[in-house]
N, C-alpha and C. Protein backbone atom coordinates (compact mmCIF):
# COMPACT_ATOMS: atom_id res chain seq x y z
N MET A 1 -160.73 25.25 -51.94
CA MET A 1 -160.06 24.26 -51.15
C MET A 1 -158.93 23.68 -51.98
N SER A 2 -157.82 23.38 -51.33
CA SER A 2 -156.71 22.76 -52.03
C SER A 2 -156.12 21.66 -51.16
N PHE A 3 -155.39 20.76 -51.79
CA PHE A 3 -154.77 19.63 -51.12
C PHE A 3 -153.30 19.60 -51.46
N LYS A 4 -152.50 19.19 -50.50
CA LYS A 4 -151.06 19.11 -50.71
C LYS A 4 -150.49 18.06 -49.76
N TRP A 5 -149.58 17.24 -50.28
CA TRP A 5 -148.91 16.24 -49.46
C TRP A 5 -147.71 16.91 -48.80
N MET A 6 -147.54 16.74 -47.49
CA MET A 6 -146.42 17.35 -46.78
C MET A 6 -146.08 16.55 -45.54
N THR A 7 -144.93 16.85 -44.99
CA THR A 7 -144.50 16.19 -43.77
C THR A 7 -145.31 16.75 -42.59
N PRO A 8 -145.37 15.99 -41.49
CA PRO A 8 -146.05 16.53 -40.31
C PRO A 8 -145.42 17.84 -39.83
N ALA A 9 -144.09 17.96 -39.90
CA ALA A 9 -143.43 19.19 -39.47
C ALA A 9 -143.86 20.37 -40.33
N ALA A 10 -144.02 20.15 -41.62
CA ALA A 10 -144.47 21.23 -42.51
C ALA A 10 -145.91 21.63 -42.18
N ALA A 11 -146.74 20.65 -41.85
CA ALA A 11 -148.12 20.95 -41.47
C ALA A 11 -148.15 21.78 -40.18
N LEU A 12 -147.32 21.43 -39.21
CA LEU A 12 -147.26 22.21 -37.97
C LEU A 12 -146.75 23.62 -38.23
N ALA A 13 -145.80 23.76 -39.14
CA ALA A 13 -145.31 25.09 -39.51
C ALA A 13 -146.44 25.91 -40.13
N GLY A 14 -147.27 25.26 -40.94
CA GLY A 14 -148.43 25.94 -41.53
C GLY A 14 -149.41 26.41 -40.47
N GLN A 15 -149.59 25.60 -39.44
CA GLN A 15 -150.47 26.00 -38.33
C GLN A 15 -149.86 27.21 -37.61
N LYS A 16 -148.55 27.16 -37.39
CA LYS A 16 -147.88 28.24 -36.67
C LYS A 16 -147.92 29.56 -37.44
N ASN A 17 -147.71 29.50 -38.75
CA ASN A 17 -147.72 30.75 -39.53
C ASN A 17 -149.11 31.10 -40.08
N LYS A 18 -150.12 30.35 -39.61
CA LYS A 18 -151.53 30.64 -39.89
C LYS A 18 -151.93 30.47 -41.36
N THR A 19 -151.21 29.61 -42.09
CA THR A 19 -151.65 29.29 -43.45
C THR A 19 -152.49 28.02 -43.46
N MET A 20 -152.53 27.31 -42.33
CA MET A 20 -153.33 26.09 -42.19
C MET A 20 -154.00 26.13 -40.82
N ARG A 21 -155.11 25.40 -40.71
CA ARG A 21 -155.80 25.29 -39.43
C ARG A 21 -156.17 23.84 -39.18
N PHE A 22 -156.03 23.43 -37.94
CA PHE A 22 -156.40 22.08 -37.53
C PHE A 22 -157.22 22.18 -36.26
N MET A 23 -158.21 21.34 -36.14
CA MET A 23 -158.94 21.22 -34.90
C MET A 23 -158.07 20.38 -33.95
N PRO A 24 -158.32 20.46 -32.65
CA PRO A 24 -157.43 19.81 -31.69
C PRO A 24 -157.11 18.33 -31.95
N PRO A 25 -158.07 17.47 -32.30
CA PRO A 25 -157.66 16.07 -32.52
C PRO A 25 -156.67 15.90 -33.68
N GLN A 26 -156.88 16.63 -34.77
CA GLN A 26 -155.96 16.54 -35.91
C GLN A 26 -154.60 17.12 -35.54
N PHE A 27 -154.61 18.23 -34.82
CA PHE A 27 -153.35 18.85 -34.40
C PHE A 27 -152.57 17.89 -33.51
N TYR A 28 -153.28 17.21 -32.63
CA TYR A 28 -152.66 16.24 -31.73
C TYR A 28 -152.00 15.11 -32.52
N LEU A 29 -152.74 14.54 -33.46
CA LEU A 29 -152.19 13.43 -34.26
C LEU A 29 -150.98 13.88 -35.08
N ILE A 30 -151.06 15.05 -35.69
CA ILE A 30 -149.94 15.56 -36.48
C ILE A 30 -148.74 15.82 -35.58
N SER A 31 -148.97 16.31 -34.36
CA SER A 31 -147.88 16.55 -33.42
C SER A 31 -147.18 15.25 -33.05
N VAL A 32 -147.95 14.20 -32.84
CA VAL A 32 -147.36 12.89 -32.53
C VAL A 32 -146.52 12.40 -33.70
N LEU A 33 -147.07 12.48 -34.91
CA LEU A 33 -146.33 12.04 -36.09
C LEU A 33 -145.07 12.86 -36.32
N ALA A 34 -145.12 14.16 -36.03
CA ALA A 34 -143.95 15.01 -36.22
C ALA A 34 -142.80 14.61 -35.32
N ARG A 35 -143.12 14.05 -34.16
CA ARG A 35 -142.06 13.59 -33.24
C ARG A 35 -141.41 12.31 -33.73
N ILE A 36 -142.13 11.56 -34.55
CA ILE A 36 -141.61 10.27 -35.05
C ILE A 36 -141.00 10.43 -36.43
N LEU A 37 -141.70 11.08 -37.32
CA LEU A 37 -141.28 11.22 -38.72
C LEU A 37 -140.48 12.51 -38.89
N THR A 38 -139.21 12.43 -38.54
CA THR A 38 -138.37 13.64 -38.51
C THR A 38 -137.58 13.85 -39.79
N THR A 39 -137.75 12.96 -40.76
CA THR A 39 -137.03 13.12 -42.03
C THR A 39 -138.02 13.38 -43.15
N ASP A 40 -137.54 13.94 -44.24
CA ASP A 40 -138.40 14.22 -45.40
C ASP A 40 -138.46 13.05 -46.37
N GLY A 41 -137.58 12.08 -46.20
CA GLY A 41 -137.48 11.00 -47.16
C GLY A 41 -138.11 9.72 -46.66
N THR A 42 -137.55 8.63 -47.08
CA THR A 42 -138.04 7.31 -46.70
C THR A 42 -137.89 7.09 -45.21
N ARG A 43 -138.87 6.42 -44.62
CA ARG A 43 -138.81 6.15 -43.19
C ARG A 43 -137.71 5.15 -42.88
N THR A 44 -137.07 5.35 -41.74
CA THR A 44 -136.03 4.43 -41.28
C THR A 44 -136.70 3.24 -40.59
N PRO A 45 -135.98 2.13 -40.44
CA PRO A 45 -136.55 1.01 -39.69
C PRO A 45 -136.93 1.40 -38.26
N GLU A 46 -136.16 2.29 -37.65
CA GLU A 46 -136.48 2.74 -36.29
C GLU A 46 -137.80 3.50 -36.26
N GLN A 47 -138.01 4.36 -37.26
CA GLN A 47 -139.26 5.10 -37.33
C GLN A 47 -140.44 4.15 -37.57
N GLU A 48 -140.25 3.18 -38.45
CA GLU A 48 -141.30 2.19 -38.72
C GLU A 48 -141.67 1.44 -37.44
N GLU A 49 -140.67 1.04 -36.68
CA GLU A 49 -140.91 0.30 -35.43
C GLU A 49 -141.64 1.18 -34.42
N LEU A 50 -141.23 2.43 -34.32
CA LEU A 50 -141.90 3.35 -33.39
C LEU A 50 -143.35 3.59 -33.81
N LEU A 51 -143.59 3.76 -35.10
CA LEU A 51 -144.96 3.91 -35.59
C LEU A 51 -145.81 2.69 -35.25
N ARG A 52 -145.24 1.50 -35.45
CA ARG A 52 -145.97 0.27 -35.12
C ARG A 52 -146.28 0.20 -33.63
N SER A 53 -145.31 0.55 -32.79
CA SER A 53 -145.55 0.46 -31.35
C SER A 53 -146.58 1.49 -30.90
N VAL A 54 -146.57 2.67 -31.50
CA VAL A 54 -147.57 3.69 -31.15
C VAL A 54 -148.96 3.24 -31.60
N CYS A 55 -149.06 2.74 -32.82
CA CYS A 55 -150.36 2.31 -33.36
C CYS A 55 -150.93 1.11 -32.63
N ASN A 56 -150.06 0.19 -32.22
CA ASN A 56 -150.52 -1.03 -31.57
C ASN A 56 -150.68 -0.88 -30.06
N GLY A 57 -150.20 0.21 -29.51
CA GLY A 57 -150.30 0.45 -28.07
C GLY A 57 -151.59 1.16 -27.71
N SER A 58 -151.61 1.71 -26.52
CA SER A 58 -152.83 2.38 -26.05
C SER A 58 -153.16 3.62 -26.89
N PHE A 59 -152.14 4.27 -27.45
CA PHE A 59 -152.40 5.44 -28.28
C PHE A 59 -153.23 5.07 -29.50
N GLY A 60 -152.92 3.94 -30.12
CA GLY A 60 -153.65 3.51 -31.32
C GLY A 60 -155.09 3.16 -31.05
N LYS A 61 -155.42 2.87 -29.80
CA LYS A 61 -156.79 2.53 -29.43
C LYS A 61 -157.54 3.71 -28.83
N ARG A 62 -156.85 4.84 -28.75
CA ARG A 62 -157.42 6.01 -28.08
C ARG A 62 -158.62 6.56 -28.85
N VAL A 63 -159.61 6.93 -28.08
CA VAL A 63 -160.77 7.65 -28.60
C VAL A 63 -160.59 9.09 -28.16
N PHE A 64 -160.65 10.00 -29.11
CA PHE A 64 -160.47 11.41 -28.77
C PHE A 64 -161.80 11.97 -28.31
N ASN A 65 -161.87 12.22 -27.03
CA ASN A 65 -163.08 12.72 -26.41
C ASN A 65 -162.69 13.86 -25.47
N PRO A 66 -162.38 15.03 -26.04
CA PRO A 66 -161.92 16.12 -25.19
C PRO A 66 -163.02 16.66 -24.29
N GLU A 67 -162.60 17.13 -23.13
CA GLU A 67 -163.51 17.80 -22.21
C GLU A 67 -163.01 19.23 -22.04
N THR A 68 -163.93 20.16 -22.00
CA THR A 68 -163.57 21.57 -21.86
C THR A 68 -163.35 21.92 -20.40
N GLU A 69 -162.27 22.61 -20.15
CA GLU A 69 -161.93 23.09 -18.81
C GLU A 69 -161.65 24.59 -18.92
N ARG A 70 -161.84 25.32 -17.86
CA ARG A 70 -161.42 26.72 -17.80
C ARG A 70 -160.25 26.78 -16.83
N MET A 71 -159.11 27.24 -17.32
CA MET A 71 -157.93 27.37 -16.48
C MET A 71 -157.30 28.73 -16.76
N GLU A 72 -157.06 29.47 -15.71
CA GLU A 72 -156.42 30.77 -15.84
C GLU A 72 -157.15 31.65 -16.87
N GLY A 73 -158.47 31.54 -16.90
CA GLY A 73 -159.27 32.35 -17.81
C GLY A 73 -159.20 31.91 -19.26
N ARG A 74 -158.69 30.71 -19.53
CA ARG A 74 -158.54 30.24 -20.90
C ARG A 74 -159.32 28.95 -21.10
N ASN A 75 -159.65 28.67 -22.38
CA ASN A 75 -160.33 27.42 -22.73
C ASN A 75 -159.28 26.35 -22.93
N ILE A 76 -159.39 25.27 -22.18
CA ILE A 76 -158.47 24.13 -22.29
C ILE A 76 -159.30 22.91 -22.65
N LEU A 77 -158.84 22.15 -23.64
CA LEU A 77 -159.43 20.85 -23.92
C LEU A 77 -158.50 19.80 -23.34
N SER A 78 -159.00 19.02 -22.40
CA SER A 78 -158.18 17.94 -21.83
C SER A 78 -158.58 16.62 -22.49
N PHE A 79 -157.58 15.80 -22.74
CA PHE A 79 -157.78 14.50 -23.37
C PHE A 79 -157.43 13.39 -22.38
N GLU A 80 -157.84 12.17 -22.70
CA GLU A 80 -157.54 11.03 -21.87
C GLU A 80 -156.04 11.00 -21.58
N GLY A 81 -155.70 10.66 -20.33
CA GLY A 81 -154.30 10.59 -19.94
C GLY A 81 -153.80 11.86 -19.26
N ASP A 82 -154.52 12.97 -19.38
CA ASP A 82 -154.13 14.19 -18.70
C ASP A 82 -154.39 14.03 -17.21
N GLU A 83 -153.61 14.74 -16.39
CA GLU A 83 -153.80 14.63 -14.95
C GLU A 83 -155.21 15.07 -14.54
N LEU A 84 -155.85 15.92 -15.34
CA LEU A 84 -157.22 16.34 -15.05
C LEU A 84 -158.23 15.23 -15.33
N ARG A 85 -157.79 14.21 -16.08
CA ARG A 85 -158.69 13.13 -16.49
C ARG A 85 -158.23 11.77 -15.96
N GLY A 86 -157.57 11.77 -14.82
CA GLY A 86 -157.17 10.51 -14.20
C GLY A 86 -155.75 10.08 -14.49
N GLY A 87 -155.00 10.86 -15.28
CA GLY A 87 -153.60 10.55 -15.54
C GLY A 87 -152.75 10.86 -14.31
N ARG A 88 -151.49 10.50 -14.38
CA ARG A 88 -150.57 10.76 -13.27
C ARG A 88 -150.36 12.26 -13.10
N PHE A 89 -150.03 12.67 -11.90
CA PHE A 89 -149.75 14.07 -11.61
C PHE A 89 -148.61 14.54 -12.52
N GLY A 90 -148.81 15.66 -13.18
CA GLY A 90 -147.80 16.22 -14.07
C GLY A 90 -147.97 15.81 -15.52
N ASP A 91 -148.81 14.81 -15.81
CA ASP A 91 -149.03 14.40 -17.20
C ASP A 91 -149.97 15.41 -17.84
N ARG A 92 -149.51 15.98 -18.94
CA ARG A 92 -150.30 16.98 -19.64
C ARG A 92 -150.66 16.45 -21.02
N ASN A 93 -151.92 16.34 -21.27
CA ASN A 93 -152.43 15.90 -22.56
C ASN A 93 -153.61 16.81 -22.86
N ARG A 94 -153.29 18.06 -23.22
CA ARG A 94 -154.33 19.07 -23.34
C ARG A 94 -153.98 20.07 -24.42
N ALA A 95 -155.00 20.76 -24.85
CA ALA A 95 -154.84 21.80 -25.86
C ALA A 95 -155.35 23.11 -25.32
N LEU A 96 -154.59 24.16 -25.57
CA LEU A 96 -155.05 25.51 -25.31
C LEU A 96 -155.73 25.98 -26.59
N VAL A 97 -156.99 26.34 -26.50
CA VAL A 97 -157.76 26.72 -27.68
C VAL A 97 -158.09 28.21 -27.59
N VAL A 98 -157.72 28.94 -28.63
CA VAL A 98 -157.96 30.38 -28.67
C VAL A 98 -158.92 30.67 -29.81
N PHE A 99 -160.02 31.33 -29.51
CA PHE A 99 -161.00 31.71 -30.50
C PHE A 99 -160.75 33.15 -30.89
N GLY A 100 -160.59 33.40 -32.18
CA GLY A 100 -160.32 34.75 -32.66
C GLY A 100 -161.20 35.10 -33.85
N LYS A 101 -160.99 36.29 -34.39
CA LYS A 101 -161.77 36.75 -35.53
C LYS A 101 -161.62 35.84 -36.74
N SER A 102 -160.43 35.28 -36.91
CA SER A 102 -160.19 34.45 -38.09
C SER A 102 -160.40 32.97 -37.84
N GLY A 103 -160.94 32.60 -36.69
CA GLY A 103 -161.22 31.20 -36.42
C GLY A 103 -160.60 30.70 -35.13
N VAL A 104 -160.34 29.42 -35.09
CA VAL A 104 -159.83 28.75 -33.90
C VAL A 104 -158.35 28.47 -34.08
N SER A 105 -157.57 28.76 -33.07
CA SER A 105 -156.15 28.40 -33.06
C SER A 105 -155.93 27.40 -31.94
N THR A 106 -155.08 26.42 -32.19
CA THR A 106 -154.79 25.40 -31.20
C THR A 106 -153.31 25.43 -30.89
N LEU A 107 -152.98 25.52 -29.62
CA LEU A 107 -151.59 25.51 -29.18
C LEU A 107 -151.45 24.42 -28.12
N TRP A 108 -150.49 23.55 -28.28
CA TRP A 108 -150.30 22.48 -27.29
C TRP A 108 -149.39 22.95 -26.20
N ARG A 109 -149.63 22.47 -25.03
CA ARG A 109 -148.85 22.86 -23.87
C ARG A 109 -148.49 21.63 -23.07
N ASN A 110 -147.23 21.41 -22.87
CA ASN A 110 -146.73 20.33 -22.00
C ASN A 110 -147.22 18.94 -22.40
N TRP A 111 -147.25 18.67 -23.69
CA TRP A 111 -147.66 17.34 -24.13
C TRP A 111 -146.50 16.37 -23.98
N ARG A 112 -146.80 15.21 -23.50
CA ARG A 112 -145.79 14.14 -23.39
C ARG A 112 -146.41 12.86 -23.91
N PRO A 113 -145.66 12.10 -24.73
CA PRO A 113 -146.23 10.84 -25.23
C PRO A 113 -146.39 9.80 -24.14
């Protein structure tokens, strides 16, 4: 096992090129952070404010409790806020989960903050 400090974008790149693996809740959190923390250096005041608003809003209070769905022959994990879980029509808060020989891969589809 090894540890390394990196940006959220670098972590997502590791997931994409299969050098790193994340379970859906961690992948979700890293994806959210990657949308906010777009620089490699010090955070800007705008990024700090956005992080505060995300943490103090409903997202910061969210409990990750995915439910498994079968859609189009695939395993989908739906999270709170998805249209399948009482969210508005068209709101997608779900993960496509693929099980393979080398483990689990998670791909997000139509996520919106």
